[in-house]
Amino acid sequence: MILRLVKMEFMSKNTSEFLTYFESISHKIKQMPGLVNLKLYQDVNNPNVFFTHSTWLNEESLEKYKKSKLFGEVWPKTKKLFASEAVAWSLNLK
């Protein structure tokens, strides 16, 4: 299993737009083959910082998602709302 954490900081004026967008597309992401779980967290002290926490069966499933048409639509639209570059980690579950 692979745990994927992505930290995203949004411009304050774009935070509500991101939340609305995430809510509208998360069900599509959850249907991706190999995705076990998807959660969104918001930082307690900085409401413009979010983390996606996803669990994948393996690295291959994650890579297929990153090369999918869905990701090709979701990521550019999300990226435009950022205040700074996203940071991502792929971790092995132990």
PDB file of N, CA and C in Angstrom:
ATOM      1  N   MET A   1       0.841  -1.177   0.000  1.00  0.00           N
ATOM      2  CA  MET A   1       0.000   0.000   0.000  1.00  0.00           C
ATOM      3  C   MET A   1       0.890   1.244   0.000  1.00  0.00           C
ATOM      4  N   ILE A   2       0.406   2.253  -0.681  1.00  0.00           N
ATOM      5  CA  ILE A   2       1.103   3.531  -0.774  1.00  0.00           C
ATOM      6  C   ILE A   2       0.201   4.623  -0.194  1.00  0.00           C
ATOM      7  N   LEU A   3       0.766   5.398   0.699  1.00  0.00           N
ATOM      8  CA  LEU A   3       0.064   6.559   1.241  1.00  0.00           C
ATOM      9  C   LEU A   3       0.601   7.781   0.512  1.00  0.00           C
ATOM     10  N   ARG A   4      -0.287   8.582  -0.026  1.00  0.00           N
ATOM     11  CA  ARG A   4       0.096   9.787  -0.764  1.00  0.00           C
ATOM     12  C   ARG A   4      -0.436  11.004  -0.014  1.00  0.00           C
ATOM     13  N   LEU A   5       0.488  11.884   0.383  1.00  0.00           N
ATOM     14  CA  LEU A   5       0.125  13.149   1.032  1.00  0.00           C
ATOM     15  C   LEU A   5       0.511  14.288   0.098  1.00  0.00           C
ATOM     16  N   VAL A   6      -0.416  15.184  -0.126  1.00  0.00           N
ATOM     17  CA  VAL A   6      -0.139  16.360  -0.955  1.00  0.00           C
ATOM     18  C   VAL A   6      -0.556  17.596  -0.173  1.00  0.00           C
ATOM     19  N   LYS A   7       0.413  18.469   0.071  1.00  0.00           N
ATOM     20  CA  LYS A   7       0.154  19.720   0.777  1.00  0.00           C
ATOM     21  C   LYS A   7      -0.063  20.818  -0.263  1.00  0.00           C
ATOM     22  N   MET A   8      -1.175  21.525  -0.119  1.00  0.00           N
ATOM     23  CA  MET A   8      -1.513  22.598  -1.056  1.00  0.00           C
ATOM     24  C   MET A   8      -1.881  23.850  -0.281  1.00  0.00           C
ATOM     25  N   GLU A   9      -1.288  24.962  -0.675  1.00  0.00           N
ATOM     26  CA  GLU A   9      -1.647  26.249  -0.077  1.00  0.00           C
ATOM     27  C   GLU A   9      -2.325  27.085  -1.153  1.00  0.00           C
ATOM     28  N   PHE A  10      -3.505  27.579  -0.823  1.00  0.00           N
ATOM     29  CA  PHE A  10      -4.307  28.350  -1.767  1.00  0.00           C
ATOM     30  C   PHE A  10      -4.301  29.831  -1.408  1.00  0.00           C
ATOM     31  N   MET A  11      -4.454  30.667  -2.416  1.00  0.00           N
ATOM     32  CA  MET A  11      -4.679  32.081  -2.148  1.00  0.00           C
ATOM     33  C   MET A  11      -5.999  32.162  -1.380  1.00  0.00           C
ATOM     34  N   SER A  12      -6.063  33.015  -0.373  1.00  0.00           N
ATOM     35  CA  SER A  12      -7.250  33.068   0.477  1.00  0.00           C
ATOM     36  C   SER A  12      -8.529  33.294  -0.324  1.00  0.00           C
ATOM     37  N   LYS A  13      -8.449  34.073  -1.373  1.00  0.00           N
ATOM     38  CA  LYS A  13      -9.643  34.319  -2.196  1.00  0.00           C
ATOM     39  C   LYS A  13     -10.094  33.078  -2.965  1.00  0.00           C
ATOM     40  N   ASN A  14      -9.234  32.047  -3.044  1.00  0.00           N
ATOM     41  CA  ASN A  14      -9.556  30.841  -3.819  1.00  0.00           C
ATOM     42  C   ASN A  14      -9.931  29.625  -2.971  1.00  0.00           C
ATOM     43  N   THR A  15      -9.854  29.759  -1.660  1.00  0.00           N
ATOM     44  CA  THR A  15     -10.092  28.616  -0.782  1.00  0.00           C
ATOM     45  C   THR A  15     -11.496  28.041  -0.948  1.00  0.00           C
ATOM     46  N   SER A  16     -12.497  28.858  -0.942  1.00  0.00           N
ATOM     47  CA  SER A  16     -13.875  28.345  -1.069  1.00  0.00           C
ATOM     48  C   SER A  16     -14.106  27.752  -2.455  1.00  0.00           C
ATOM     49  N   GLU A  17     -13.470  28.320  -3.484  1.00  0.00           N
ATOM     50  CA  GLU A  17     -13.590  27.752  -4.837  1.00  0.00           C
ATOM     51  C   GLU A  17     -12.979  26.355  -4.881  1.00  0.00           C
ATOM     52  N   PHE A  18     -11.818  26.199  -4.230  1.00  0.00           N
ATOM     53  CA  PHE A  18     -11.199  24.874  -4.177  1.00  0.00           C
ATOM     54  C   PHE A  18     -12.112  23.872  -3.474  1.00  0.00           C
ATOM     55  N   LEU A  19     -12.657  24.250  -2.325  1.00  0.00           N
ATOM     56  CA  LEU A  19     -13.521  23.327  -1.576  1.00  0.00           C
ATOM     57  C   LEU A  19     -14.734  22.900  -2.401  1.00  0.00           C
ATOM     58  N   THR A  20     -15.334  23.826  -3.085  1.00  0.00           N
ATOM     59  CA  THR A  20     -16.486  23.520  -3.946  1.00  0.00           C
ATOM     60  C   THR A  20     -16.065  22.580  -5.066  1.00  0.00           C
ATOM     61  N   TYR A  21     -14.927  22.872  -5.683  1.00  0.00           N
ATOM     62  CA  TYR A  21     -14.442  22.037  -6.775  1.00  0.00           C
ATOM     63  C   TYR A  21     -14.098  20.631  -6.281  1.00  0.00           C
ATOM     64  N   PHE A  22     -13.396  20.542  -5.156  1.00  0.00           N
ATOM     65  CA  PHE A  22     -13.020  19.232  -4.617  1.00  0.00           C
ATOM     66  C   PHE A  22     -14.264  18.393  -4.334  1.00  0.00           C
ATOM     67  N   GLU A  23     -15.259  19.022  -3.751  1.00  0.00           N
ATOM     68  CA  GLU A  23     -16.506  18.311  -3.458  1.00  0.00           C
ATOM     69  C   GLU A  23     -17.160  17.793  -4.747  1.00  0.00           C
ATOM     70  N   SER A  24     -17.046  18.548  -5.819  1.00  0.00           N
ATOM     71  CA  SER A  24     -17.692  18.163  -7.077  1.00  0.00           C
ATOM     72  C   SER A  24     -16.948  17.051  -7.821  1.00  0.00           C
ATOM     73  N   ILE A  25     -15.653  16.873  -7.551  1.00  0.00           N
ATOM     74  CA  ILE A  25     -14.887  15.875  -8.306  1.00  0.00           C
ATOM     75  C   ILE A  25     -14.365  14.713  -7.460  1.00  0.00           C
ATOM     76  N   SER A  26     -14.469  14.804  -6.147  1.00  0.00           N
ATOM     77  CA  SER A  26     -13.891  13.753  -5.302  1.00  0.00           C
ATOM     78  C   SER A  26     -14.522  12.387  -5.564  1.00  0.00           C
ATOM     79  N   HIS A  27     -15.801  12.352  -5.896  1.00  0.00           N
ATOM     80  CA  HIS A  27     -16.440  11.055  -6.169  1.00  0.00           C
ATOM     81  C   HIS A  27     -15.842  10.397  -7.416  1.00  0.00           C
ATOM     82  N   LYS A  28     -15.396  11.201  -8.380  1.00  0.00           N
ATOM     83  CA  LYS A  28     -14.758  10.650  -9.581  1.00  0.00           C
ATOM     84  C   LYS A  28     -13.374  10.093  -9.243  1.00  0.00           C
ATOM     85  N   ILE A  29     -12.646  10.813  -8.412  1.00  0.00           N
ATOM     86  CA  ILE A  29     -11.318  10.348  -8.000  1.00  0.00           C
ATOM     87  C   ILE A  29     -11.453   9.036  -7.225  1.00  0.00           C
ATOM     88  N   LYS A  30     -12.460   8.967  -6.364  1.00  0.00           N
ATOM     89  CA  LYS A  30     -12.660   7.769  -5.543  1.00  0.00           C
ATOM     90  C   LYS A  30     -12.994   6.532  -6.377  1.00  0.00           C
ATOM     91  N   GLN A  31     -13.392   6.718  -7.616  1.00  0.00           N
ATOM     92  CA  GLN A  31     -13.698   5.599  -8.499  1.00  0.00           C
ATOM     93  C   GLN A  31     -12.474   5.080  -9.258  1.00  0.00           C
ATOM     94  N   MET A  32     -11.333   5.718  -9.079  1.00  0.00           N
ATOM     95  CA  MET A  32     -10.126   5.302  -9.787  1.00  0.00           C
ATOM     96  C   MET A  32      -9.675   3.920  -9.309  1.00  0.00           C
ATOM     97  N   PRO A  33      -9.319   3.049 -10.257  1.00  0.00           N
ATOM     98  CA  PRO A  33      -8.834   1.716  -9.882  1.00  0.00           C
ATOM     99  C   PRO A  33      -7.595   1.817  -8.986  1.00  0.00           C
ATOM    100  N   GLY A  34      -7.615   1.070  -7.919  1.00  0.00           N
ATOM    101  CA  GLY A  34      -6.475   1.025  -7.012  1.00  0.00           C
ATOM    102  C   GLY A  34      -6.533   2.029  -5.870  1.00  0.00           C
ATOM    103  N   LEU A  35      -7.514   2.947  -5.901  1.00  0.00           N
ATOM    104  CA  LEU A  35      -7.643   3.897  -4.799  1.00  0.00           C
ATOM    105  C   LEU A  35      -8.445   3.249  -3.677  1.00  0.00           C
ATOM    106  N   VAL A  36      -7.862   3.232  -2.499  1.00  0.00           N
ATOM    107  CA  VAL A  36      -8.499   2.623  -1.340  1.00  0.00           C
ATOM    108  C   VAL A  36      -9.256   3.665  -0.524  1.00  0.00           C
ATOM    109  N   ASN A  37      -8.661   4.860  -0.407  1.00  0.00           N
ATOM    110  CA  ASN A  37      -9.243   5.875   0.464  1.00  0.00           C
ATOM    111  C   ASN A  37      -8.769   7.258   0.032  1.00  0.00           C
ATOM    112  N   LEU A  38      -9.634   8.252   0.187  1.00  0.00           N
ATOM    113  CA  LEU A  38      -9.283   9.639  -0.113  1.00  0.00           C
ATOM    114  C   LEU A  38      -9.899  10.536   0.946  1.00  0.00           C
ATOM    115  N   LYS A  39      -9.059  11.380   1.550  1.00  0.00           N
ATOM    116  CA  LYS A  39      -9.538  12.328   2.557  1.00  0.00           C
ATOM    117  C   LYS A  39      -8.907  13.688   2.299  1.00  0.00           C
ATOM    118  N   LEU A  40      -9.606  14.719   2.745  1.00  0.00           N
ATOM    119  CA  LEU A  40      -9.099  16.079   2.653  1.00  0.00           C
ATOM    120  C   LEU A  40      -9.041  16.656   4.056  1.00  0.00           C
ATOM    121  N   TYR A  41      -7.893  17.264   4.394  1.00  0.00           N
ATOM    122  CA  TYR A  41      -7.708  17.890   5.693  1.00  0.00           C
ATOM    123  C   TYR A  41      -7.369  19.359   5.503  1.00  0.00           C
ATOM    124  N   GLN A  42      -7.836  20.180   6.447  1.00  0.00           N
ATOM    125  CA  GLN A  42      -7.537  21.608   6.437  1.00  0.00           C
ATOM    126  C   GLN A  42      -6.714  21.939   7.678  1.00  0.00           C
ATOM    127  N   ASP A  43      -5.663  22.706   7.497  1.00  0.00           N
ATOM    128  CA  ASP A  43      -4.788  23.076   8.602  1.00  0.00           C
ATOM    129  C   ASP A  43      -5.570  23.874   9.650  1.00  0.00           C
ATOM    130  N   VAL A  44      -5.335  23.579  10.907  1.00  0.00           N
ATOM    131  CA  VAL A  44      -6.036  24.237  12.012  1.00  0.00           C
ATOM    132  C   VAL A  44      -5.650  25.712  12.121  1.00  0.00           C
ATOM    133  N   ASN A  45      -4.383  26.013  11.890  1.00  0.00           N
ATOM    134  CA  ASN A  45      -3.886  27.379  12.079  1.00  0.00           C
ATOM    135  C   ASN A  45      -3.863  28.216  10.805  1.00  0.00           C
ATOM    136  N   ASN A  46      -3.892  27.581   9.663  1.00  0.00           N
ATOM    137  CA  ASN A  46      -3.878  28.310   8.396  1.00  0.00           C
ATOM    138  C   ASN A  46      -4.969  27.728   7.500  1.00  0.00           C
ATOM    139  N   PRO A  47      -6.124  28.359   7.430  1.00  0.00           N
ATOM    140  CA  PRO A  47      -7.255  27.809   6.682  1.00  0.00           C
ATOM    141  C   PRO A  47      -7.056  27.753   5.168  1.00  0.00           C
ATOM    142  N   ASN A  48      -5.935  28.290   4.681  1.00  0.00           N
ATOM    143  CA  ASN A  48      -5.643  28.224   3.249  1.00  0.00           C
ATOM    144  C   ASN A  48      -4.771  27.022   2.890  1.00  0.00           C
ATOM    145  N   VAL A  49      -4.381  26.235   3.891  1.00  0.00           N
ATOM    146  CA  VAL A  49      -3.533  25.062   3.670  1.00  0.00           C
ATOM    147  C   VAL A  49      -4.371  23.800   3.830  1.00  0.00           C
ATOM    148  N   PHE A  50      -4.266  22.941   2.821  1.00  0.00           N
ATOM    149  CA  PHE A  50      -4.993  21.676   2.794  1.00  0.00           C
ATOM    150  C   PHE A  50      -4.043  20.540   2.484  1.00  0.00           C
ATOM    151  N   PHE A  51      -4.427  19.354   2.921  1.00  0.00           N
ATOM    152  CA  PHE A  51      -3.694  18.136   2.588  1.00  0.00           C
ATOM    153  C   PHE A  51      -4.685  17.134   2.013  1.00  0.00           C
ATOM    154  N   THR A  52      -4.326  16.521   0.900  1.00  0.00           N
ATOM    155  CA  THR A  52      -5.072  15.339   0.485  1.00  0.00           C
ATOM    156  C   THR A  52      -4.291  14.142   1.004  1.00  0.00           C
ATOM    157  N   HIS A  53      -5.020  13.180   1.481  1.00  0.00           N
ATOM    158  CA  HIS A  53      -4.471  11.946   2.036  1.00  0.00           C
ATOM    159  C   HIS A  53      -5.143  10.812   1.280  1.00  0.00           C
ATOM    160  N   SER A  54      -4.395  10.155   0.424  1.00  0.00           N
ATOM    161  CA  SER A  54      -4.976   9.057  -0.342  1.00  0.00           C
ATOM    162  C   SER A  54      -4.163   7.792  -0.127  1.00  0.00           C
ATOM    163  N   THR A  55      -4.849   6.671  -0.141  1.00  0.00           N
ATOM    164  CA  THR A  55      -4.205   5.374   0.001  1.00  0.00           C
ATOM    165  C   THR A  55      -4.441   4.600  -1.280  1.00  0.00           C
ATOM    166  N   TRP A  56      -3.358   4.076  -1.832  1.00  0.00           N
ATOM    167  CA  TRP A  56      -3.391   3.346  -3.098  1.00  0.00           C
ATOM    168  C   TRP A  56      -2.891   1.928  -2.872  1.00  0.00           C
ATOM    169  N   LEU A  57      -3.397   1.005  -3.650  1.00  0.00           N
ATOM    170  CA  LEU A  57      -2.967  -0.389  -3.526  1.00  0.00           C
ATOM    171  C   LEU A  57      -1.474  -0.543  -3.779  1.00  0.00           C
ATOM    172  N   ASN A  58      -0.976   0.229  -4.757  1.00  0.00           N
ATOM    173  CA  ASN A  58       0.439   0.152  -5.114  1.00  0.00           C
ATOM    174  C   ASN A  58       0.833   1.392  -5.913  1.00  0.00           C
ATOM    175  N   GLU A  59       2.135   1.505  -6.174  1.00  0.00           N
ATOM    176  CA  GLU A  59       2.648   2.653  -6.918  1.00  0.00           C
ATOM    177  C   GLU A  59       2.102   2.692  -8.341  1.00  0.00           C
ATOM    178  N   GLU A  60       1.906   1.535  -8.921  1.00  0.00           N
ATOM    179  CA  GLU A  60       1.378   1.453 -10.286  1.00  0.00           C
ATOM    180  C   GLU A  60       0.000   2.112 -10.381  1.00  0.00           C
ATOM    181  N   SER A  61      -0.860   1.859  -9.407  1.00  0.00           N
ATOM    182  CA  SER A  61      -2.193   2.477  -9.394  1.00  0.00           C
ATOM    183  C   SER A  61      -2.100   3.986  -9.300  1.00  0.00           C
ATOM    184  N   LEU A  62      -1.215   4.480  -8.440  1.00  0.00           N
ATOM    185  CA  LEU A  62      -1.023   5.915  -8.292  1.00  0.00           C
ATOM    186  C   LEU A  62      -0.513   6.523  -9.601  1.00  0.00           C
ATOM    187  N   GLU A  63       0.448   5.880 -10.226  1.00  0.00           N
ATOM    188  CA  GLU A  63       1.004   6.395 -11.487  1.00  0.00           C
ATOM    189  C   GLU A  63      -0.045   6.402 -12.600  1.00  0.00           C
ATOM    190  N   LYS A  64      -0.879   5.385 -12.643  1.00  0.00           N
ATOM    191  CA  LYS A  64      -1.947   5.351 -13.653  1.00  0.00           C
ATOM    192  C   LYS A  64      -2.910   6.518 -13.441  1.00  0.00           C
ATOM    193  N   TYR A  65      -3.221   6.820 -12.186  1.00  0.00           N
ATOM    194  CA  TYR A  65      -4.079   7.963 -11.902  1.00  0.00           C
ATOM    195  C   TYR A  65      -3.418   9.258 -12.368  1.00  0.00           C
ATOM    196  N   LYS A  66      -2.124   9.417 -12.059  1.00  0.00           N
ATOM    197  CA  LYS A  66      -1.417  10.640 -12.427  1.00  0.00           C
ATOM    198  C   LYS A  66      -1.316  10.821 -13.942  1.00  0.00           C
ATOM    199  N   LYS A  67      -1.473   9.739 -14.695  1.00  0.00           N
ATOM    200  CA  LYS A  67      -1.438   9.801 -16.161  1.00  0.00           C
ATOM    201  C   LYS A  67      -2.837   9.767 -16.771  1.00  0.00           C
ATOM    202  N   SER A  68      -3.851   9.754 -15.925  1.00  0.00           N
ATOM    203  CA  SER A  68      -5.230   9.630 -16.408  1.00  0.00           C
ATOM    204  C   SER A  68      -5.775  10.945 -16.943  1.00  0.00           C
ATOM    205  N   LYS A  69      -6.823  10.825 -17.732  1.00  0.00           N
ATOM    206  CA  LYS A  69      -7.529  11.996 -18.259  1.00  0.00           C
ATOM    207  C   LYS A  69      -8.088  12.829 -17.099  1.00  0.00           C
ATOM    208  N   LEU A  70      -8.624  12.149 -16.088  1.00  0.00           N
ATOM    209  CA  LEU A  70      -9.197  12.846 -14.932  1.00  0.00           C
ATOM    210  C   LEU A  70      -8.155  13.727 -14.250  1.00  0.00           C
ATOM    211  N   PHE A  71      -6.986  13.173 -13.962  1.00  0.00           N
ATOM    212  CA  PHE A  71      -5.923  13.951 -13.324  1.00  0.00           C
ATOM    213  C   PHE A  71      -5.508  15.113 -14.222  1.00  0.00           C
ATOM    214  N   GLY A  72      -5.475  14.874 -15.530  1.00  0.00           N
ATOM    215  CA  GLY A  72      -5.131  15.913 -16.490  1.00  0.00           C
ATOM    216  C   GLY A  72      -6.109  17.072 -16.491  1.00  0.00           C
ATOM    217  N   GLU A  73      -7.318  16.843 -16.013  1.00  0.00           N
ATOM    218  CA  GLU A  73      -8.313  17.905 -15.891  1.00  0.00           C
ATOM    219  C   GLU A  73      -8.277  18.549 -14.498  1.00  0.00           C
ATOM    220  N   VAL A  74      -8.161  17.703 -13.479  1.00  0.00           N
ATOM    221  CA  VAL A  74      -8.238  18.162 -12.090  1.00  0.00           C
ATOM    222  C   VAL A  74      -7.015  18.993 -11.685  1.00  0.00           C
ATOM    223  N   TRP A  75      -5.835  18.496 -11.970  1.00  0.00           N
ATOM    224  CA  TRP A  75      -4.627  19.141 -11.452  1.00  0.00           C
ATOM    225  C   TRP A  75      -4.416  20.543 -12.022  1.00  0.00           C
ATOM    226  N   PRO A  76      -4.520  20.771 -13.326  1.00  0.00           N
ATOM    227  CA  PRO A  76      -4.324  22.144 -13.822  1.00  0.00           C
ATOM    228  C   PRO A  76      -5.335  23.136 -13.244  1.00  0.00           C
ATOM    229  N   LYS A  77      -6.576  22.714 -13.095  1.00  0.00           N
ATOM    230  CA  LYS A  77      -7.596  23.605 -12.537  1.00  0.00           C
ATOM    231  C   LYS A  77      -7.296  23.925 -11.070  1.00  0.00           C
ATOM    232  N   THR A  78      -6.841  22.931 -10.327  1.00  0.00           N
ATOM    233  CA  THR A  78      -6.502  23.124  -8.915  1.00  0.00           C
ATOM    234  C   THR A  78      -5.253  23.995  -8.776  1.00  0.00           C
ATOM    235  N   LYS A  79      -4.256  23.714  -9.591  1.00  0.00           N
ATOM    236  CA  LYS A  79      -2.978  24.432  -9.549  1.00  0.00           C
ATOM    237  C   LYS A  79      -3.141  25.941  -9.727  1.00  0.00           C
ATOM    238  N   LYS A  80      -4.100  26.334 -10.539  1.00  0.00           N
ATOM    239  CA  LYS A  80      -4.313  27.763 -10.800  1.00  0.00           C
ATOM    240  C   LYS A  80      -4.732  28.525  -9.540  1.00  0.00           C
ATOM    241  N   LEU A  81      -5.206  27.809  -8.539  1.00  0.00           N
ATOM    242  CA  LEU A  81      -5.704  28.439  -7.310  1.00  0.00           C
ATOM    243  C   LEU A  81      -4.633  28.563  -6.229  1.00  0.00           C
ATOM    244  N   PHE A  82      -3.452  27.988  -6.468  1.00  0.00           N
ATOM    245  CA  PHE A  82      -2.394  27.922  -5.456  1.00  0.00           C
ATOM    246  C   PHE A  82      -1.782  29.277  -5.147  1.00  0.00           C
ATOM    247  N   ALA A  83      -1.346  29.412  -3.887  1.00  0.00           N
ATOM    248  CA  ALA A  83      -0.526  30.547  -3.463  1.00  0.00           C
ATOM    249  C   ALA A  83       0.947  30.179  -3.573  1.00  0.00           C
ATOM    250  N   SER A  84       1.245  28.885  -3.480  1.00  0.00           N
ATOM    251  CA  SER A  84       2.623  28.393  -3.610  1.00  0.00           C
ATOM    252  C   SER A  84       2.568  26.981  -4.187  1.00  0.00           C
ATOM    253  N   GLU A  85       3.717  26.497  -4.597  1.00  0.00           N
ATOM    254  CA  GLU A  85       3.792  25.179  -5.219  1.00  0.00           C
ATOM    255  C   GLU A  85       3.415  24.077  -4.225  1.00  0.00           C
ATOM    256  N   ALA A  86       2.695  23.091  -4.714  1.00  0.00           N
ATOM    257  CA  ALA A  86       2.311  21.954  -3.868  1.00  0.00           C
ATOM    258  C   ALA A  86       3.538  21.099  -3.550  1.00  0.00           C
ATOM    259  N   VAL A  87       3.463  20.389  -2.429  1.00  0.00           N
ATOM    260  CA  VAL A  87       4.508  19.456  -2.021  1.00  0.00           C
ATOM    261  C   VAL A  87       3.838  18.110  -1.806  1.00  0.00           C
ATOM    262  N   ALA A  88       4.443  17.049  -2.358  1.00  0.00           N
ATOM    263  CA  ALA A  88       3.825  15.723  -2.271  1.00  0.00           C
ATOM    264  C   ALA A  88       4.821  14.695  -1.749  1.00  0.00           C
ATOM    265  N   TRP A  89       4.285  13.728  -1.013  1.00  0.00           N
ATOM    266  CA  TRP A  89       5.065  12.611  -0.503  1.00  0.00           C
ATOM    267  C   TRP A  89       4.327  11.320  -0.824  1.00  0.00           C
ATOM    268  N   SER A  90       5.083  10.307  -1.235  1.00  0.00           N
ATOM    269  CA  SER A  90       4.552   8.951  -1.375  1.00  0.00           C
ATOM    270  C   SER A  90       5.252   8.106  -0.314  1.00  0.00           C
ATOM    271  N   LEU A  91       4.455   7.461   0.541  1.00  0.00           N
ATOM    272  CA  LEU A  91       5.003   6.747   1.690  1.00  0.00           C
ATOM    273  C   LEU A  91       4.525   5.308   1.684  1.00  0.00           C
ATOM    274  N   ASN A  92       5.400   4.403   2.085  1.00  0.00           N
ATOM    275  CA  ASN A  92       5.011   3.011   2.280  1.00  0.00           C
ATOM    276  C   ASN A  92       4.339   2.869   3.631  1.00  0.00           C
ATOM    277  N   LEU A  93       3.234   2.157   3.663  1.00  0.00           N
ATOM    278  CA  LEU A  93       2.577   1.858   4.924  1.00  0.00           C
ATOM    279  C   LEU A  93       3.321   0.711   5.597  1.00  0.00           C
ATOM    280  N   LYS A  94       3.619   0.858   6.859  1.00  0.00           N
ATOM    281  CA  LYS A  94       4.348  -0.166   7.606  1.00  0.00           C
ATOM    282  C   LYS A  94       3.490  -0.698   8.722  1.00  0.00           C
TER     283      LYS A  94
END
